[in-house]
Amino acid sequence: MVNRSYYGHDTQFYGVEEHRLAGGKGDGMHLFQVRNGSGLEFTVSADRAADISRISFKGVNLNYMGPAGYVAPAYYDEPGFGFLKSFTCGFLTTCGLQAIGTPSVDGDIPCPLHGTISNIPADHIYYTEEDGKIEIHARVSDAEIFKQKLILTRTISCECGTNKLKITDSVKNAGSADEPFMLLYHMNMGYPLLSETSRVAVSSKNIIPRDDHAAKDLDTWDKMLAPTPNFQEQCYYHEFEENKPCAKIFNPDAGVGLAIRWDQKQIPYMTEWKMMGERDYVLGLEPTISKLEGRAELRKNGALQFIKPGEVRCFELEVEFFDKEADWEAAK
């Protein structure tokens, strides 16, 4: 914490500012810009499930922004793969709460790519600053008459002088019926953190390619490429033994890196999304409670999870940021 005698107002070093976008498909979107005073800056998008759209450390961008850029929920095209038309990507896109992965039809219910939660605005959002700790608090309601009534409550927090970010979520079934439940944290690394010189490490015990195309490059799952024309995405499922999985990336050329940690009992898997295309250049490190074959396939295989009436499921992730490779190497 900087000695207060040297400055007049906290915003000289850290704090939260609220903004609204003007023009384009993002017109009117409500953003919270956060600075922690020691090099960490990020943006929370109130209109997109309080997801994290941008993040930088020591002035270096860390996330991927998709070609669509900022897109307000009013433009969301739900059926099938319509999600991609408004897929900002950003550092965090929350996927669920009743579908992730491949679009499917579960009984007579269409389940679009990655569900709908990321295109629902927070119906209540505010921030607090106290003793150098910044918190964004949000509530997002995924509810429909005659159907699901799920409430996502989220806190995103950081502290001055500590280059860590915490995401604390709870999901409550406020309805009276068991509901299918799926959740994936779509965390997207981008240039200049991501390049062909990036180092990637995941504390997984098993790595399972999603398909034959991914299987042929299983031995190089952790090797990043330069942007490659017509690259076809590759996905790998990571399974873990220890209770605190860690997925991390560092780029010595950019001089920055990060590590993502979570509770394996809460979130048993991680999907690695390796997309090395030109402009479509992104590495997804995506903690998830289930795999991506779609809700109908998971039900068929007996792998679909449910959340009971009144039940609350809790999830916590921590992201730590580094500007020294030795510190990153030591991170577990």
Protein backbone atom coordinates (compact mmCIF):
# COMPACT_ATOMS: atom_id res chain seq x y z
CA MET A 1 0.00 0.00 0.00
CA VAL A 2 1.38 3.40 -1.00
CA ASN A 3 1.88 5.94 1.81
CA ARG A 4 -1.24 8.13 1.68
CA SER A 5 0.77 11.23 2.56
CA TYR A 6 2.04 11.25 -1.03
CA TYR A 7 -1.33 11.60 -2.78
CA GLY A 8 -4.69 13.27 -2.49
CA HIS A 9 -7.15 10.63 -3.72
CA ASP A 10 -7.06 6.83 -3.94
CA THR A 11 -7.88 6.89 -7.66
CA GLN A 12 -4.37 8.17 -8.31
CA PHE A 13 -3.29 4.55 -7.78
CA TYR A 14 -6.23 2.19 -7.49
CA GLY A 15 -10.00 1.92 -7.46
CA VAL A 16 -13.08 1.31 -9.59
CA GLU A 17 -14.58 3.49 -12.29
CA GLU A 18 -17.91 2.86 -14.01
CA HIS A 19 -18.28 3.47 -17.74
CA ARG A 20 -20.83 3.01 -20.51
CA LEU A 21 -19.93 2.24 -24.10
CA ALA A 22 -21.20 4.41 -26.93
CA GLY A 23 -21.88 3.17 -30.45
CA GLY A 24 -21.93 -0.18 -32.21
CA LYS A 25 -23.31 -3.42 -30.81
CA GLY A 26 -21.88 -2.57 -27.41
CA ASP A 27 -23.81 0.69 -27.15
CA GLY A 28 -24.88 1.38 -23.56
CA MET A 29 -23.06 -1.56 -21.98
CA HIS A 30 -22.18 -1.00 -18.32
CA LEU A 31 -18.52 -1.64 -17.42
CA PHE A 32 -16.53 -1.57 -14.18
CA GLN A 33 -12.86 -0.69 -14.70
CA VAL A 34 -10.70 -1.94 -11.79
CA ARG A 35 -7.07 -1.06 -10.94
CA ASN A 36 -5.29 -2.58 -7.95
CA GLY A 37 -2.39 -0.10 -7.84
CA SER A 38 0.36 -2.63 -8.49
CA GLY A 39 -0.10 -3.40 -12.16
CA LEU A 40 -3.31 -5.41 -12.34
CA GLU A 41 -6.19 -3.88 -14.32
CA PHE A 42 -9.39 -5.56 -15.46
CA THR A 43 -12.89 -4.80 -16.73
CA VAL A 44 -16.11 -6.41 -15.48
CA SER A 45 -19.06 -6.38 -17.89
CA ALA A 46 -22.29 -5.97 -15.91
CA ASP A 47 -24.42 -6.73 -18.97
CA ARG A 48 -22.69 -10.03 -19.65
CA ALA A 49 -23.14 -11.97 -16.39
CA ALA A 50 -20.45 -9.87 -14.64
CA ASP A 51 -17.80 -11.61 -16.73
CA ILE A 52 -14.27 -10.22 -17.11
CA SER A 53 -13.92 -8.79 -20.60
CA ARG A 54 -10.37 -7.37 -20.45
CA ILE A 55 -7.36 -7.85 -18.22
CA SER A 56 -3.76 -6.63 -18.23
CA PHE A 57 -0.76 -6.89 -15.94
CA LYS A 58 2.13 -4.41 -15.85
CA GLY A 59 0.64 -2.84 -18.97
CA VAL A 60 0.64 -6.09 -20.96
CA ASN A 61 -2.63 -7.48 -22.33
CA LEU A 62 -3.41 -11.04 -21.21
CA ASN A 63 -6.75 -11.96 -22.79
CA TYR A 64 -8.17 -12.65 -26.23
CA MET A 65 -10.95 -10.48 -27.63
CA GLY A 66 -13.02 -12.19 -30.32
CA PRO A 67 -13.81 -10.54 -33.68
CA ALA A 68 -17.29 -9.59 -32.43
CA GLY A 69 -15.86 -7.31 -29.74
CA TYR A 70 -18.32 -5.98 -27.18
CA VAL A 71 -21.87 -7.14 -27.95
CA ALA A 72 -24.88 -6.23 -25.82
CA PRO A 73 -27.26 -9.05 -24.80
CA ALA A 74 -30.00 -7.66 -27.07
CA TYR A 75 -28.05 -9.00 -30.06
CA TYR A 76 -27.76 -12.54 -28.71
CA ASP A 77 -28.78 -15.14 -31.31
CA GLU A 78 -29.61 -18.19 -29.20
CA PRO A 79 -30.24 -21.22 -31.46
CA GLY A 80 -27.45 -23.66 -32.24
CA PHE A 81 -24.11 -21.92 -32.75
CA GLY A 82 -25.59 -18.39 -32.66
CA PHE A 83 -23.59 -17.81 -29.47
CA LEU A 84 -20.50 -17.24 -31.63
CA LYS A 85 -21.97 -14.07 -33.17
CA SER A 86 -21.74 -12.34 -29.80
CA PHE A 87 -18.81 -14.26 -28.30
CA THR A 88 -16.65 -11.47 -26.89
CA CYS A 89 -14.37 -14.11 -25.35
CA GLY A 90 -12.52 -11.71 -23.07
CA PHE A 91 -10.67 -13.12 -20.09
CA LEU A 92 -13.74 -14.89 -18.69
CA THR A 93 -16.97 -15.97 -20.34
CA THR A 94 -19.22 -17.96 -18.01
CA CYS A 95 -20.94 -20.86 -19.78
CA GLY A 96 -24.06 -22.63 -18.51
CA LEU A 97 -26.07 -22.87 -16.38
CA GLN A 98 -28.07 -25.58 -18.12
CA ALA A 99 -25.92 -26.24 -21.18
CA ILE A 100 -22.28 -26.10 -22.20
CA GLY A 101 -20.45 -27.46 -25.20
CA THR A 102 -22.00 -28.89 -28.34
CA PRO A 103 -25.55 -27.71 -29.13
CA SER A 104 -28.10 -30.48 -28.66
CA VAL A 105 -31.79 -31.18 -28.17
CA ASP A 106 -32.45 -32.77 -24.79
CA GLY A 107 -35.89 -34.32 -25.09
CA ASP A 108 -37.79 -31.41 -26.63
CA ILE A 109 -35.53 -28.71 -25.15
CA PRO A 110 -33.00 -27.04 -27.49
CA CYS A 111 -29.68 -26.45 -25.74
CA PRO A 112 -27.53 -23.84 -27.53
CA LEU A 113 -23.74 -23.72 -27.60
CA HIS A 114 -22.43 -22.92 -24.10
CA GLY A 115 -25.86 -22.00 -22.71
CA THR A 116 -27.34 -18.56 -22.14
CA ILE A 117 -25.94 -17.25 -18.85
CA SER A 118 -23.19 -15.09 -20.40
CA ASN A 119 -25.82 -13.12 -22.32
CA ILE A 120 -27.89 -12.28 -19.23
CA PRO A 121 -27.22 -8.91 -17.54
CA ALA A 122 -26.69 -8.76 -13.80
CA ASP A 123 -29.92 -7.57 -12.21
CA HIS A 124 -27.97 -6.23 -9.23
CA ILE A 125 -24.32 -5.17 -9.25
CA TYR A 126 -22.19 -2.89 -7.07
CA TYR A 127 -18.63 -2.48 -5.85
CA THR A 128 -16.98 -1.90 -2.49
CA GLU A 129 -13.55 -0.50 -1.57
CA GLU A 130 -12.30 -0.93 1.98
CA ASP A 131 -8.78 -1.05 3.43
CA GLY A 132 -7.27 -1.58 0.00
CA LYS A 133 -9.60 -4.45 -0.93
CA ILE A 134 -11.83 -4.09 -3.99
CA GLU A 135 -14.87 -6.29 -4.56
CA ILE A 136 -17.43 -6.41 -7.37
CA HIS A 137 -20.68 -8.04 -6.24
CA ALA A 138 -23.26 -9.25 -8.76
CA ARG A 139 -26.41 -11.33 -9.00
CA VAL A 140 -27.52 -12.87 -12.29
CA SER A 141 -30.91 -14.55 -12.63
CA ASP A 142 -31.32 -17.40 -15.11
CA ALA A 143 -35.06 -17.86 -14.69
CA GLU A 144 -38.07 -18.58 -16.86
CA ILE A 145 -41.76 -19.15 -16.15
CA PHE A 146 -42.63 -22.87 -16.06
CA LYS A 147 -38.89 -23.68 -16.23
CA GLN A 148 -35.59 -23.13 -14.38
CA LYS A 149 -35.10 -20.58 -11.61
CA LEU A 150 -31.35 -20.45 -11.05
CA ILE A 151 -29.51 -17.58 -9.33
CA LEU A 152 -25.80 -16.94 -9.86
CA THR A 153 -24.22 -14.80 -7.13
CA ARG A 154 -20.70 -13.62 -7.92
CA THR A 155 -17.90 -11.75 -6.14
CA ILE A 156 -14.74 -10.70 -7.98
CA SER A 157 -12.06 -9.38 -5.64
CA CYS A 158 -8.48 -8.13 -5.57
CA GLU A 159 -6.25 -6.26 -3.12
CA CYS A 160 -3.79 -3.42 -3.46
CA GLY A 161 -0.24 -4.69 -3.56
CA THR A 162 -1.26 -8.32 -4.10
CA ASN A 163 -1.39 -9.49 -7.69
CA LYS A 164 -4.14 -12.04 -7.27
CA LEU A 165 -7.73 -12.08 -8.48
CA LYS A 166 -10.45 -14.19 -6.86
CA ILE A 167 -13.76 -15.27 -8.37
CA THR A 168 -16.25 -16.61 -5.83
CA ASP A 169 -19.53 -17.92 -7.24
CA SER A 170 -22.60 -19.61 -5.87
CA VAL A 171 -25.51 -21.02 -7.86
CA LYS A 172 -28.85 -21.58 -6.14
CA ASN A 173 -31.86 -23.45 -7.44
CA ALA A 174 -34.66 -21.14 -6.31
CA GLY A 175 -37.30 -23.29 -8.01
CA SER A 176 -39.20 -26.39 -6.92
CA ALA A 177 -37.84 -28.97 -9.39
CA ASP A 178 -34.52 -30.68 -9.99
CA GLU A 179 -32.74 -28.84 -12.81
CA PRO A 180 -29.94 -29.91 -15.17
CA PHE A 181 -26.78 -28.07 -14.16
CA MET A 182 -23.69 -27.39 -16.27
CA LEU A 183 -20.95 -24.81 -15.72
CA LEU A 184 -17.71 -23.93 -17.51
CA TYR A 185 -15.32 -21.04 -16.88
CA HIS A 186 -14.21 -20.11 -20.42
CA MET A 187 -10.90 -18.34 -19.60
CA ASN A 188 -9.18 -17.09 -22.74
CA MET A 189 -5.47 -16.26 -23.07
CA GLY A 190 -4.44 -13.90 -25.86
CA TYR A 191 -1.51 -12.05 -27.40
CA PRO A 192 1.03 -10.91 -26.26
CA LEU A 193 0.75 -13.28 -23.30
CA LEU A 194 0.02 -15.96 -25.89
CA SER A 195 2.49 -16.53 -28.72
CA GLU A 196 4.70 -19.29 -30.10
CA THR A 197 7.18 -18.56 -27.28
CA SER A 198 4.65 -19.09 -24.47
CA ARG A 199 5.22 -21.79 -21.88
CA VAL A 200 2.14 -23.72 -20.73
CA ALA A 201 1.89 -26.12 -17.78
CA VAL A 202 -1.09 -27.93 -16.23
CA SER A 203 -0.93 -30.17 -13.15
CA SER A 204 -3.07 -32.86 -14.76
CA LYS A 205 -2.72 -36.62 -14.27
CA ASN A 206 -4.56 -37.52 -17.50
CA ILE A 207 -4.95 -35.63 -20.78
CA ILE A 208 -7.69 -36.91 -23.08
CA PRO A 209 -8.09 -35.57 -26.63
CA ARG A 210 -11.65 -34.67 -27.48
CA ASP A 211 -11.49 -36.14 -30.99
CA ASP A 212 -9.17 -37.76 -33.54
CA HIS A 213 -7.97 -34.39 -34.81
CA ALA A 214 -6.78 -33.43 -31.32
CA ALA A 215 -5.38 -36.92 -30.72
CA LYS A 216 -2.84 -36.65 -33.53
CA ASP A 217 -1.13 -33.76 -31.71
CA LEU A 218 -1.55 -35.02 -28.16
CA ASP A 219 2.22 -35.05 -27.60
CA THR A 220 2.38 -31.30 -28.28
CA TRP A 221 -0.72 -30.19 -26.37
CA ASP A 222 1.43 -27.65 -24.48
CA LYS A 223 3.33 -26.26 -27.48
CA MET A 224 1.94 -23.03 -28.88
CA LEU A 225 2.24 -22.13 -32.57
CA ALA A 226 2.45 -18.88 -34.48
CA PRO A 227 -0.89 -17.83 -36.02
CA THR A 228 -1.64 -20.47 -38.65
CA PRO A 229 -4.04 -20.04 -41.61
CA ASN A 230 -7.02 -22.43 -41.58
CA PHE A 231 -6.07 -23.96 -38.23
CA GLN A 232 -8.72 -26.33 -36.89
CA GLU A 233 -9.32 -26.07 -33.15
CA GLN A 234 -8.08 -28.81 -30.83
CA CYS A 235 -9.54 -29.57 -27.41
CA TYR A 236 -8.12 -31.66 -24.58
CA TYR A 237 -9.73 -32.72 -21.32
CA HIS A 238 -7.45 -32.54 -18.28
CA GLU A 239 -8.15 -34.67 -15.20
CA PHE A 240 -6.52 -34.11 -11.80
CA GLU A 241 -5.45 -35.95 -8.67
CA GLU A 242 -4.61 -33.19 -6.22
CA ASN A 243 -7.26 -31.00 -4.62
CA LYS A 244 -5.81 -27.72 -5.96
CA PRO A 245 -5.30 -27.99 -9.71
CA CYS A 246 -3.11 -25.37 -11.36
CA ALA A 247 -3.05 -24.28 -15.01
CA LYS A 248 -0.49 -21.66 -15.96
CA ILE A 249 1.08 -19.78 -18.84
CA PHE A 250 4.13 -17.50 -19.10
CA ASN A 251 5.63 -15.70 -22.06
CA PRO A 252 9.30 -14.77 -21.56
CA ASP A 253 9.13 -12.37 -24.51
CA ALA A 254 6.28 -10.44 -22.90
CA GLY A 255 7.68 -10.84 -19.38
CA VAL A 256 4.34 -11.79 -17.83
CA GLY A 257 2.37 -14.88 -16.90
CA LEU A 258 -0.43 -16.19 -14.75
CA ALA A 259 -1.61 -19.26 -12.86
CA ILE A 260 -5.23 -20.36 -12.37
CA ARG A 261 -6.12 -22.45 -9.32
CA TRP A 262 -9.40 -23.95 -8.15
CA ASP A 263 -10.89 -26.66 -5.94
CA GLN A 264 -10.94 -30.03 -7.70
CA LYS A 265 -13.84 -31.17 -5.52
CA GLN A 266 -15.93 -28.30 -6.89
CA ILE A 267 -14.62 -28.38 -10.46
CA PRO A 268 -13.17 -31.77 -11.48
CA TYR A 269 -12.02 -31.06 -15.06
CA MET A 270 -10.36 -28.50 -17.27
CA THR A 271 -10.83 -28.16 -21.01
CA GLU A 272 -7.88 -26.88 -23.00
CA TRP A 273 -9.02 -25.06 -26.13
CA LYS A 274 -6.06 -24.70 -28.49
CA MET A 275 -6.96 -22.39 -31.35
CA MET A 276 -3.90 -21.19 -33.27
CA GLY A 277 -5.61 -19.55 -36.25
CA GLU A 278 -4.91 -16.16 -37.77
CA ARG A 279 -6.94 -13.63 -35.75
CA ASP A 280 -8.69 -16.60 -34.15
CA TYR A 281 -5.64 -16.95 -31.91
CA VAL A 282 -6.49 -18.03 -28.39
CA LEU A 283 -5.70 -20.58 -25.71
CA GLY A 284 -8.61 -21.49 -23.47
CA LEU A 285 -7.81 -22.81 -19.98
CA GLU A 286 -11.34 -23.68 -18.93
CA PRO A 287 -12.20 -25.23 -15.55
CA THR A 288 -15.47 -27.14 -15.94
CA ILE A 289 -17.77 -29.44 -13.99
CA SER A 290 -18.50 -31.60 -17.05
CA LYS A 291 -17.26 -32.37 -20.54
CA LEU A 292 -18.39 -30.71 -23.77
CA GLU A 293 -20.40 -33.34 -25.65
CA GLY A 294 -23.68 -31.53 -25.02
CA ARG A 295 -26.52 -31.96 -22.56
CA ALA A 296 -28.37 -34.68 -24.47
CA GLU A 297 -25.25 -36.85 -24.74
CA LEU A 298 -24.40 -36.38 -21.05
CA ARG A 299 -27.92 -37.41 -20.06
CA LYS A 300 -27.67 -40.47 -22.30
CA ASN A 301 -24.37 -41.45 -20.65
CA GLY A 302 -25.63 -40.82 -17.11
CA ALA A 303 -23.13 -37.97 -16.65
CA LEU A 304 -25.58 -35.05 -16.53
CA GLN A 305 -25.55 -33.28 -13.16
CA PHE A 306 -28.63 -31.85 -11.44
CA ILE A 307 -29.15 -29.17 -8.82
CA LYS A 308 -31.97 -29.81 -6.34
CA PRO A 309 -34.58 -27.28 -5.13
CA GLY A 310 -32.97 -25.00 -2.56
CA GLU A 311 -29.51 -26.44 -3.21
CA VAL A 312 -26.54 -24.07 -3.43
CA ARG A 313 -23.38 -25.04 -5.32
CA CYS A 314 -20.23 -23.01 -4.57
CA PHE A 315 -17.16 -22.41 -6.72
CA GLU A 316 -13.94 -20.49 -6.14
CA LEU A 317 -11.10 -19.73 -8.52
CA GLU A 318 -7.91 -17.76 -7.97
CA VAL A 319 -5.71 -16.20 -10.64
CA GLU A 320 -2.18 -15.12 -9.71
CA PHE A 321 -0.08 -12.88 -11.95
CA PHE A 322 3.70 -12.93 -12.43
CA ASP A 323 6.41 -10.77 -13.97
CA LYS A 324 9.29 -13.09 -13.03
CA GLU A 325 9.65 -16.46 -14.72
CA ALA A 326 11.24 -18.09 -11.66
CA ASP A 327 8.22 -17.16 -9.52
CA TRP A 328 5.90 -18.53 -12.19
CA GLU A 329 7.87 -21.79 -12.36
CA ALA A 330 7.56 -22.20 -8.58
CA ALA A 331 3.79 -21.65 -8.60
CA LYS A 332 1.69 -24.69 -7.79
